[in-house]
Amino acid sequence: MTKPLSIPRPLVRVNQWTIFLSVAIPWGTGFYWILLLPFLANLSGVLFGLNPIIYFSKGFLKKDHSQYIPEDIGQQRFNSTIATLCLALGFLGYVLKIPALAYTFTILVAVASFVAILGFCVGCFIHFQLNQIKYRRSLKQS
């Protein structure tokens, strides 16, 4: 079985909503342990290529995967790496009772996930800019 090169957009949106809601819930409730849900799911996706949130959401798709707008797996892995890092630092801020750390990184990941839901991917922009830098460096070296 070959590995897919893309993820249907609705599955990516479920992951983005999970991140956003899991980050927003502690702000009102103080129940910061919920950050572990998207953190562990995205960490699993980055390390093992299997995000449980996306995996379990597949069963709710009504059409064949190929009929949805595709999202690049490599790009999603890059985005998940950024989200995982921000979620880890936000969680660490809560655990260590450093509100500035907790709120800084949870706000960053909340804004990024919500803006992605609206259609602009901050992680994609960062990834593109990094590739541009690599390309420009390769031109200078040749």
N, C-alpha and C. Protein backbone atom coordinates (compact mmCIF):
# COMPACT_ATOMS: atom_id res chain seq x y z
N MET A 1 0.85 -1.18 0.00
CA MET A 1 0.00 0.00 0.00
C MET A 1 0.90 1.25 0.00
N THR A 2 0.65 2.14 -0.92
CA THR A 2 1.45 3.37 -0.99
C THR A 2 0.89 4.40 -0.03
N LYS A 3 1.80 5.23 0.46
CA LYS A 3 1.39 6.29 1.38
C LYS A 3 0.75 7.41 0.58
N PRO A 4 -0.35 7.97 1.06
CA PRO A 4 -0.98 9.08 0.34
C PRO A 4 -0.09 10.33 0.38
N LEU A 5 -0.20 11.15 -0.65
CA LEU A 5 0.58 12.37 -0.73
C LEU A 5 -0.19 13.57 -0.19
N SER A 6 -1.47 13.36 0.07
CA SER A 6 -2.29 14.48 0.54
C SER A 6 -3.31 14.01 1.58
N ILE A 7 -3.87 14.99 2.25
CA ILE A 7 -4.90 14.76 3.26
C ILE A 7 -6.12 15.57 2.82
N PRO A 8 -7.31 14.99 2.84
CA PRO A 8 -8.50 15.77 2.48
C PRO A 8 -8.67 16.97 3.41
N ARG A 9 -9.00 18.12 2.83
CA ARG A 9 -9.10 19.35 3.61
C ARG A 9 -10.03 19.24 4.83
N PRO A 10 -11.19 18.56 4.74
CA PRO A 10 -12.03 18.48 5.95
C PRO A 10 -11.32 17.85 7.15
N LEU A 11 -10.41 16.92 6.90
CA LEU A 11 -9.67 16.29 8.00
C LEU A 11 -8.68 17.27 8.61
N VAL A 12 -8.07 18.09 7.77
CA VAL A 12 -7.16 19.12 8.26
C VAL A 12 -7.94 20.13 9.09
N ARG A 13 -9.15 20.48 8.63
CA ARG A 13 -9.99 21.45 9.36
C ARG A 13 -10.38 20.91 10.74
N VAL A 14 -10.69 19.64 10.82
CA VAL A 14 -11.02 19.03 12.13
C VAL A 14 -9.84 19.18 13.08
N ASN A 15 -8.64 18.93 12.58
CA ASN A 15 -7.45 19.07 13.42
C ASN A 15 -7.26 20.53 13.84
N GLN A 16 -7.49 21.47 12.92
CA GLN A 16 -7.34 22.89 13.25
C GLN A 16 -8.37 23.33 14.29
N TRP A 17 -9.60 22.88 14.15
CA TRP A 17 -10.63 23.22 15.14
C TRP A 17 -10.30 22.59 16.50
N THR A 18 -9.78 21.37 16.48
CA THR A 18 -9.40 20.72 17.74
C THR A 18 -8.32 21.52 18.45
N ILE A 19 -7.33 21.97 17.68
CA ILE A 19 -6.26 22.78 18.27
C ILE A 19 -6.85 24.08 18.82
N PHE A 20 -7.64 24.76 18.02
CA PHE A 20 -8.19 26.05 18.46
C PHE A 20 -9.03 25.91 19.73
N LEU A 21 -9.96 24.97 19.73
CA LEU A 21 -10.84 24.81 20.90
C LEU A 21 -10.06 24.33 22.13
N SER A 22 -9.10 23.44 21.92
CA SER A 22 -8.30 22.94 23.05
C SER A 22 -7.43 24.02 23.67
N VAL A 23 -7.07 25.01 22.88
CA VAL A 23 -6.28 26.13 23.40
C VAL A 23 -7.18 27.15 24.08
N ALA A 24 -8.37 27.35 23.55
CA ALA A 24 -9.29 28.36 24.11
C ALA A 24 -9.92 27.90 25.43
N ILE A 25 -10.17 26.62 25.57
CA ILE A 25 -10.83 26.11 26.78
C ILE A 25 -10.07 26.46 28.07
N PRO A 26 -8.75 26.29 28.13
CA PRO A 26 -8.05 26.64 29.37
C PRO A 26 -8.13 28.12 29.73
N TRP A 27 -8.27 28.99 28.74
CA TRP A 27 -8.36 30.42 29.05
C TRP A 27 -9.56 30.72 29.93
N GLY A 28 -10.66 30.03 29.70
CA GLY A 28 -11.86 30.29 30.49
C GLY A 28 -12.02 29.39 31.69
N THR A 29 -11.41 28.22 31.64
CA THR A 29 -11.64 27.24 32.70
C THR A 29 -10.42 26.96 33.57
N GLY A 30 -9.23 27.22 33.03
CA GLY A 30 -8.01 26.86 33.75
C GLY A 30 -7.65 25.40 33.59
N PHE A 31 -8.47 24.65 32.87
CA PHE A 31 -8.23 23.23 32.66
C PHE A 31 -7.24 23.05 31.51
N TYR A 32 -5.97 23.30 31.81
CA TYR A 32 -4.94 23.31 30.78
C TYR A 32 -4.51 21.93 30.33
N TRP A 33 -4.92 20.89 31.03
CA TRP A 33 -4.53 19.53 30.63
C TRP A 33 -5.10 19.16 29.27
N ILE A 34 -6.14 19.86 28.86
CA ILE A 34 -6.74 19.56 27.55
C ILE A 34 -5.78 19.86 26.41
N LEU A 35 -4.75 20.67 26.67
CA LEU A 35 -3.73 20.94 25.64
C LEU A 35 -2.99 19.67 25.24
N LEU A 36 -3.01 18.68 26.10
CA LEU A 36 -2.33 17.43 25.78
C LEU A 36 -2.99 16.69 24.61
N LEU A 37 -4.29 16.89 24.42
CA LEU A 37 -5.00 16.22 23.33
C LEU A 37 -4.41 16.61 21.97
N PRO A 38 -4.41 17.89 21.59
CA PRO A 38 -3.82 18.21 20.29
C PRO A 38 -2.30 18.06 20.28
N PHE A 39 -1.66 18.27 21.43
CA PHE A 39 -0.21 18.11 21.49
C PHE A 39 0.19 16.68 21.15
N LEU A 40 -0.39 15.71 21.84
CA LEU A 40 -0.03 14.31 21.62
C LEU A 40 -0.45 13.83 20.23
N ALA A 41 -1.61 14.29 19.77
CA ALA A 41 -2.08 13.89 18.43
C ALA A 41 -1.15 14.41 17.35
N ASN A 42 -0.78 15.68 17.44
CA ASN A 42 0.11 16.26 16.43
C ASN A 42 1.53 15.73 16.56
N LEU A 43 1.98 15.47 17.77
CA LEU A 43 3.30 14.88 17.97
C LEU A 43 3.34 13.50 17.31
N SER A 44 2.29 12.74 17.48
CA SER A 44 2.19 11.42 16.84
C SER A 44 2.22 11.56 15.32
N GLY A 45 1.54 12.57 14.81
CA GLY A 45 1.56 12.81 13.37
C GLY A 45 2.93 13.17 12.86
N VAL A 46 3.65 13.98 13.62
CA VAL A 46 4.99 14.39 13.21
C VAL A 46 5.96 13.21 13.30
N LEU A 47 5.93 12.48 14.39
CA LEU A 47 6.90 11.40 14.60
C LEU A 47 6.59 10.11 13.83
N PHE A 48 5.30 9.76 13.78
CA PHE A 48 4.92 8.46 13.23
C PHE A 48 4.07 8.54 11.97
N GLY A 49 3.68 9.76 11.57
CA GLY A 49 2.84 9.91 10.39
C GLY A 49 1.39 9.53 10.62
N LEU A 50 0.98 9.44 11.88
CA LEU A 50 -0.41 9.08 12.19
C LEU A 50 -0.94 10.01 13.27
N ASN A 51 -1.79 10.92 12.87
CA ASN A 51 -2.46 11.83 13.80
C ASN A 51 -3.81 11.20 14.15
N PRO A 52 -4.04 10.80 15.41
CA PRO A 52 -5.28 10.13 15.77
C PRO A 52 -6.54 10.96 15.50
N ILE A 53 -6.44 12.27 15.61
CA ILE A 53 -7.61 13.13 15.34
C ILE A 53 -8.01 12.99 13.87
N ILE A 54 -7.03 13.05 12.99
CA ILE A 54 -7.30 12.90 11.56
C ILE A 54 -7.73 11.48 11.24
N TYR A 55 -7.06 10.51 11.84
CA TYR A 55 -7.37 9.10 11.59
C TYR A 55 -8.83 8.78 11.94
N PHE A 56 -9.27 9.19 13.12
CA PHE A 56 -10.63 8.87 13.54
C PHE A 56 -11.67 9.71 12.81
N SER A 57 -11.29 10.85 12.30
CA SER A 57 -12.22 11.71 11.56
C SER A 57 -12.49 11.17 10.16
N LYS A 58 -11.60 10.33 9.64
CA LYS A 58 -11.78 9.78 8.29
C LYS A 58 -13.12 9.09 8.12
N GLY A 59 -13.60 8.45 9.16
CA GLY A 59 -14.87 7.72 9.09
C GLY A 59 -16.08 8.61 8.86
N PHE A 60 -15.94 9.90 9.07
CA PHE A 60 -17.05 10.82 8.90
C PHE A 60 -17.13 11.43 7.50
N LEU A 61 -16.12 11.17 6.68
CA LEU A 61 -16.14 11.69 5.32
C LEU A 61 -17.21 10.95 4.51
N LYS A 62 -17.99 11.70 3.75
CA LYS A 62 -19.07 11.09 2.99
C LYS A 62 -18.65 10.70 1.58
N LYS A 63 -17.65 11.41 1.05
CA LYS A 63 -17.19 11.14 -0.30
C LYS A 63 -15.83 10.43 -0.25
N ASP A 64 -15.40 9.96 -1.41
CA ASP A 64 -14.07 9.38 -1.52
C ASP A 64 -13.04 10.48 -1.25
N HIS A 65 -11.91 10.12 -0.66
CA HIS A 65 -10.87 11.10 -0.31
C HIS A 65 -10.43 11.94 -1.49
N SER A 66 -10.40 11.35 -2.67
CA SER A 66 -9.94 12.06 -3.86
C SER A 66 -10.90 13.16 -4.30
N GLN A 67 -12.10 13.18 -3.77
CA GLN A 67 -13.09 14.19 -4.17
C GLN A 67 -13.02 15.46 -3.31
N TYR A 68 -12.12 15.48 -2.36
CA TYR A 68 -11.94 16.66 -1.50
C TYR A 68 -10.70 17.43 -1.95
N ILE A 69 -10.66 18.71 -1.61
CA ILE A 69 -9.47 19.50 -1.89
C ILE A 69 -8.32 18.90 -1.08
N PRO A 70 -7.20 18.60 -1.75
CA PRO A 70 -6.08 17.96 -1.05
C PRO A 70 -5.19 18.97 -0.33
N GLU A 71 -4.66 18.56 0.79
CA GLU A 71 -3.67 19.33 1.54
C GLU A 71 -2.39 18.48 1.56
N ASP A 72 -1.27 19.08 1.22
CA ASP A 72 0.00 18.38 1.13
C ASP A 72 0.43 17.83 2.49
N ILE A 73 0.78 16.56 2.52
CA ILE A 73 1.17 15.92 3.78
C ILE A 73 2.46 16.53 4.34
N GLY A 74 3.43 16.80 3.48
CA GLY A 74 4.68 17.40 3.95
C GLY A 74 4.45 18.75 4.58
N GLN A 75 3.60 19.54 3.96
CA GLN A 75 3.28 20.85 4.50
C GLN A 75 2.54 20.73 5.84
N GLN A 76 1.63 19.77 5.92
CA GLN A 76 0.89 19.56 7.17
C GLN A 76 1.82 19.08 8.28
N ARG A 77 2.80 18.29 7.93
CA ARG A 77 3.78 17.83 8.94
C ARG A 77 4.58 19.03 9.46
N PHE A 78 4.98 19.92 8.56
CA PHE A 78 5.69 21.14 8.96
C PHE A 78 4.81 21.98 9.89
N ASN A 79 3.55 22.17 9.51
CA ASN A 79 2.62 22.95 10.33
C ASN A 79 2.40 22.29 11.70
N SER A 80 2.29 20.97 11.69
CA SER A 80 2.09 20.25 12.96
C SER A 80 3.31 20.36 13.86
N THR A 81 4.49 20.42 13.26
CA THR A 81 5.71 20.59 14.05
C THR A 81 5.67 21.93 14.79
N ILE A 82 5.29 22.98 14.08
CA ILE A 82 5.18 24.31 14.71
C ILE A 82 4.11 24.29 15.80
N ALA A 83 2.95 23.72 15.49
CA ALA A 83 1.85 23.66 16.46
C ALA A 83 2.26 22.86 17.69
N THR A 84 2.94 21.75 17.48
CA THR A 84 3.38 20.90 18.59
C THR A 84 4.33 21.65 19.51
N LEU A 85 5.26 22.37 18.91
CA LEU A 85 6.21 23.16 19.69
C LEU A 85 5.48 24.24 20.50
N CYS A 86 4.57 24.95 19.87
CA CYS A 86 3.83 26.01 20.57
C CYS A 86 2.94 25.43 21.68
N LEU A 87 2.28 24.30 21.38
CA LEU A 87 1.45 23.66 22.41
C LEU A 87 2.29 23.19 23.59
N ALA A 88 3.47 22.64 23.30
CA ALA A 88 4.36 22.18 24.38
C ALA A 88 4.81 23.35 25.25
N LEU A 89 5.19 24.46 24.62
CA LEU A 89 5.64 25.62 25.39
C LEU A 89 4.48 26.25 26.17
N GLY A 90 3.30 26.28 25.57
CA GLY A 90 2.13 26.78 26.28
C GLY A 90 1.79 25.91 27.48
N PHE A 91 1.80 24.60 27.28
CA PHE A 91 1.52 23.67 28.37
C PHE A 91 2.56 23.81 29.47
N LEU A 92 3.82 23.92 29.08
CA LEU A 92 4.90 24.11 30.05
C LEU A 92 4.68 25.39 30.86
N GLY A 93 4.23 26.43 30.20
CA GLY A 93 3.93 27.68 30.88
C GLY A 93 2.86 27.51 31.94
N TYR A 94 1.82 26.74 31.61
CA TYR A 94 0.76 26.48 32.59
C TYR A 94 1.30 25.65 33.76
N VAL A 95 2.03 24.58 33.45
CA VAL A 95 2.55 23.68 34.49
C VAL A 95 3.50 24.41 35.43
N LEU A 96 4.38 25.25 34.86
CA LEU A 96 5.36 25.97 35.67
C LEU A 96 4.82 27.28 36.25
N LYS A 97 3.55 27.53 35.98
CA LYS A 97 2.88 28.75 36.46
C LYS A 97 3.61 30.01 35.98
N ILE A 98 3.89 30.01 34.67
CA ILE A 98 4.48 31.18 34.01
C ILE A 98 3.44 31.65 32.99
N PRO A 99 2.50 32.47 33.43
CA PRO A 99 1.40 32.87 32.54
C PRO A 99 1.85 33.51 31.24
N ALA A 100 2.93 34.29 31.27
CA ALA A 100 3.39 34.94 30.04
C ALA A 100 3.76 33.89 28.99
N LEU A 101 4.43 32.83 29.41
CA LEU A 101 4.80 31.75 28.49
C LEU A 101 3.55 31.01 28.01
N ALA A 102 2.68 30.68 28.94
CA ALA A 102 1.45 29.95 28.60
C ALA A 102 0.61 30.72 27.60
N TYR A 103 0.34 31.98 27.90
CA TYR A 103 -0.54 32.76 27.03
C TYR A 103 0.13 33.14 25.71
N THR A 104 1.40 33.43 25.74
CA THR A 104 2.08 33.78 24.49
C THR A 104 1.96 32.66 23.47
N PHE A 105 2.29 31.44 23.88
CA PHE A 105 2.31 30.35 22.92
C PHE A 105 0.92 29.79 22.62
N THR A 106 0.01 29.85 23.58
CA THR A 106 -1.34 29.39 23.25
C THR A 106 -2.05 30.41 22.37
N ILE A 107 -1.78 31.68 22.56
CA ILE A 107 -2.37 32.69 21.67
C ILE A 107 -1.80 32.54 20.26
N LEU A 108 -0.49 32.32 20.16
CA LEU A 108 0.12 32.12 18.84
C LEU A 108 -0.53 30.96 18.09
N VAL A 109 -0.67 29.83 18.76
CA VAL A 109 -1.22 28.66 18.08
C VAL A 109 -2.72 28.83 17.84
N ALA A 110 -3.42 29.53 18.72
CA ALA A 110 -4.85 29.77 18.50
C ALA A 110 -5.07 30.67 17.29
N VAL A 111 -4.31 31.74 17.21
CA VAL A 111 -4.43 32.66 16.07
C VAL A 111 -4.08 31.92 14.77
N ALA A 112 -2.98 31.19 14.78
CA ALA A 112 -2.55 30.47 13.58
C ALA A 112 -3.61 29.45 13.15
N SER A 113 -4.16 28.70 14.09
CA SER A 113 -5.16 27.69 13.72
C SER A 113 -6.45 28.34 13.24
N PHE A 114 -6.87 29.44 13.88
CA PHE A 114 -8.11 30.08 13.46
C PHE A 114 -7.95 30.76 12.10
N VAL A 115 -6.82 31.40 11.88
CA VAL A 115 -6.56 32.03 10.59
C VAL A 115 -6.48 30.95 9.50
N ALA A 116 -5.94 29.78 9.82
CA ALA A 116 -5.89 28.68 8.86
C ALA A 116 -7.31 28.20 8.53
N ILE A 117 -8.17 28.15 9.52
CA ILE A 117 -9.57 27.78 9.29
C ILE A 117 -10.21 28.78 8.33
N LEU A 118 -9.84 30.04 8.46
CA LEU A 118 -10.38 31.09 7.58
C LEU A 118 -9.76 31.07 6.19
N GLY A 119 -8.64 30.36 6.03
CA GLY A 119 -8.08 30.21 4.70
C GLY A 119 -6.64 30.63 4.48
N PHE A 120 -6.01 31.26 5.46
CA PHE A 120 -4.60 31.64 5.30
C PHE A 120 -3.75 30.81 6.24
N CYS A 121 -2.79 30.11 5.68
CA CYS A 121 -1.94 29.21 6.47
C CYS A 121 -0.62 29.91 6.81
N VAL A 122 -0.46 30.26 8.07
CA VAL A 122 0.77 30.91 8.53
C VAL A 122 1.96 29.97 8.37
N GLY A 123 1.78 28.71 8.73
CA GLY A 123 2.85 27.73 8.59
C GLY A 123 3.28 27.56 7.13
N CYS A 124 2.31 27.58 6.23
CA CYS A 124 2.62 27.47 4.79
C CYS A 124 3.45 28.67 4.34
N PHE A 125 3.09 29.85 4.84
CA PHE A 125 3.83 31.06 4.49
C PHE A 125 5.27 30.97 5.00
N ILE A 126 5.43 30.52 6.24
CA ILE A 126 6.78 30.37 6.81
C ILE A 126 7.57 29.34 6.01
N HIS A 127 6.94 28.22 5.68
CA HIS A 127 7.60 27.17 4.91
C HIS A 127 8.04 27.70 3.55
N PHE A 128 7.18 28.45 2.89
CA PHE A 128 7.51 29.04 1.59
C PHE A 128 8.70 29.99 1.71
N GLN A 129 8.69 30.84 2.73
CA GLN A 129 9.79 31.79 2.92
C GLN A 129 11.11 31.06 3.19
N LEU A 130 11.07 30.01 3.98
CA LEU A 130 12.28 29.23 4.25
C LEU A 130 12.82 28.60 2.96
N ASN A 131 11.92 28.10 2.13
CA ASN A 131 12.35 27.52 0.85
C ASN A 131 12.92 28.60 -0.07
N GLN A 132 12.39 29.80 -0.02
CA GLN A 132 12.93 30.90 -0.81
C GLN A 132 14.35 31.24 -0.36
N ILE A 133 14.57 31.25 0.93
CA ILE A 133 15.91 31.53 1.46
C ILE A 133 16.89 30.46 1.00
N LYS A 134 16.48 29.19 1.10
CA LYS A 134 17.34 28.09 0.64
C LYS A 134 17.66 28.25 -0.86
N TYR A 135 16.66 28.58 -1.63
CA TYR A 135 16.85 28.74 -3.07
C TYR A 135 17.82 29.88 -3.38
N ARG A 136 17.64 31.01 -2.72
CA ARG A 136 18.54 32.15 -2.94
C ARG A 136 19.98 31.82 -2.55
N ARG A 137 20.13 31.08 -1.46
CA ARG A 137 21.47 30.65 -1.05
C ARG A 137 22.10 29.72 -2.08
N SER A 138 21.30 28.84 -2.65
CA SER A 138 21.83 27.91 -3.65
C SER A 138 22.25 28.66 -4.91
N LEU A 139 21.56 29.75 -5.23
CA LEU A 139 21.96 30.55 -6.39
C LEU A 139 23.28 31.25 -6.16
N LYS A 140 23.48 31.73 -4.93
CA LYS A 140 24.73 32.44 -4.60
C LYS A 140 25.93 31.49 -4.61
N GLN A 141 25.69 30.23 -4.25
CA GLN A 141 26.78 29.26 -4.16
C GLN A 141 27.17 28.69 -5.52
N SER A 142 26.30 28.84 -6.52
CA SER A 142 26.62 28.26 -7.83
C SER A 142 27.24 29.27 -8.78
